[in-house]
C-alpha cells in the first residue's frame, strides 16, 4: 500500500522531468543550428569577398 501511495507523485515527477529534458534538448538543438548557419554565412561572405578582390585585382 505504501508504494501505491507514492506512485502518482513519482509519475508526475518523471513527467515534469521529461518535459524539462525535452525543453533543454530543443534549446540545445536550436542553438546548434543557429551557430552552424552563422558559420556557413560567414564562409559564404568570405568567398564573396575573395571573388570581389580577385575581380578588382
C-alpha atoms as a PDB file:
ATOM      1  CA  UNK A   1       0.000   0.000   0.000  1.00  0.00           C
ATOM      2  CA  UNK A   2       2.867   2.393   0.737  1.00  0.00           C
ATOM      3  CA  UNK A   3       4.322   2.138  -2.782  1.00  0.00           C
ATOM      4  CA  UNK A   4       0.953   2.762  -4.405  1.00  0.00           C
ATOM      5  CA  UNK A   5       0.556   5.970  -2.396  1.00  0.00           C
ATOM      6  CA  UNK A   6       3.789   7.429  -3.836  1.00  0.00           C
ATOM      7  CA  UNK A   7       3.292   6.104  -7.375  1.00  0.00           C
ATOM      8  CA  UNK A   8       1.222   9.102  -8.656  1.00  0.00           C
ATOM      9  CA  UNK A   9       3.705  11.573  -7.179  1.00  0.00           C
ATOM     10  CA  UNK A  10       6.589   9.652  -8.752  1.00  0.00           C
ATOM     11  CA  UNK A  11       4.868   9.562 -12.154  1.00  0.00           C
ATOM     12  CA  UNK A  12       4.160  13.295 -12.047  1.00  0.00           C
ATOM     13  CA  UNK A  13       7.801  13.940 -11.139  1.00  0.00           C
ATOM     14  CA  UNK A  14       9.027  11.796 -14.036  1.00  0.00           C
ATOM     15  CA  UNK A  15       6.590  13.547 -16.379  1.00  0.00           C
ATOM     16  CA  UNK A  16       7.827  17.014 -15.403  1.00  0.00           C
ATOM     17  CA  UNK A  17      11.447  15.866 -15.594  1.00  0.00           C
ATOM     18  CA  UNK A  18      10.815  14.565 -19.123  1.00  0.00           C
ATOM     19  CA  UNK A  19       9.306  17.915 -20.128  1.00  0.00           C
ATOM     20  CA  UNK A  20      12.319  19.808 -18.738  1.00  0.00           C
ATOM     21  CA  UNK A  21      14.757  17.483 -20.515  1.00  0.00           C
ATOM     22  CA  UNK A  22      12.816  17.902 -23.784  1.00  0.00           C
ATOM     23  CA  UNK A  23      12.910  21.708 -23.453  1.00  0.00           C
ATOM     24  CA  UNK A  24      16.663  21.679 -22.846  1.00  0.00           C
ATOM     25  CA  UNK A  25      17.157  19.377 -25.829  1.00  0.00           C
ATOM     26  CA  UNK A  26      15.139  21.706 -28.079  1.00  0.00           C
ATOM     27  CA  UNK A  27      17.123  24.730 -26.872  1.00  0.00           C
ATOM     28  CA  UNK A  28      20.394  22.864 -27.485  1.00  0.00           C
ATOM     29  CA  UNK A  29      19.290  21.845 -30.985  1.00  0.00           C
ATOM     30  CA  UNK A  30      18.196  25.391 -31.846  1.00  0.00           C
ATOM     31  CA  UNK A  31      21.441  26.947 -30.613  1.00  0.00           C
ATOM     32  CA  UNK A  32      23.498  24.372 -32.511  1.00  0.00           C
ATOM     33  CA  UNK A  33      21.555  25.029 -35.709  1.00  0.00           C
ATOM     34  CA  UNK A  34      21.927  28.791 -35.248  1.00  0.00           C
ATOM     35  CA  UNK A  35      25.696  28.507 -34.756  1.00  0.00           C
ATOM     36  CA  UNK A  36      26.041  26.243 -37.809  1.00  0.00           C
ATOM     37  CA  UNK A  37      24.033  28.606 -40.015  1.00  0.00           C
ATOM     38  CA  UNK A  38      26.048  31.564 -38.776  1.00  0.00           C
ATOM     39  CA  UNK A  39      29.299  29.759 -39.642  1.00  0.00           C
ATOM     40  CA  UNK A  40      28.006  28.913 -43.126  1.00  0.00           C
ATOM     41  CA  UNK A  41      27.001  32.548 -43.631  1.00  0.00           C
ATOM     42  CA  UNK A  42      30.478  33.704 -42.604  1.00  0.00           C
ATOM     43  CA  UNK A  43      32.092  31.216 -45.001  1.00  0.00           C
ATOM     44  CA  UNK A  44      29.912  32.399 -47.886  1.00  0.00           C
ATOM     45  CA  UNK A  45      30.704  36.029 -47.148  1.00  0.00           C
ATOM     46  CA  UNK A  46      34.435  35.217 -47.116  1.00  0.00           C
ATOM     47  CA  UNK A  47      34.126  33.557 -50.526  1.00  0.00           C
ATOM     48  CA  UNK A  48      32.249  36.569 -51.919  1.00  0.00           C
ATOM     49  CA  UNK A  49      34.898  38.962 -50.609  1.00  0.00           C
ATOM     50  CA  UNK A  50      37.682  36.816 -52.118  1.00  0.00           C
ATOM     51  CA  UNK A  51      35.969  36.767 -55.529  1.00  0.00           C
ATOM     52  CA  UNK A  52      35.416  40.516 -55.439  1.00  0.00           C
ATOM     53  CA  UNK A  53      39.087  41.069 -54.539  1.00  0.00           C
ATOM     54  CA  UNK A  54      40.146  38.846 -57.436  1.00  0.00           C
ATOM     55  CA  UNK A  55      37.973  40.819 -59.874  1.00  0.00           C
ATOM     56  CA  UNK A  56      39.359  44.143 -58.667  1.00  0.00           C
ATOM     57  CA  UNK A  57      42.980  42.998 -58.907  1.00  0.00           C
END
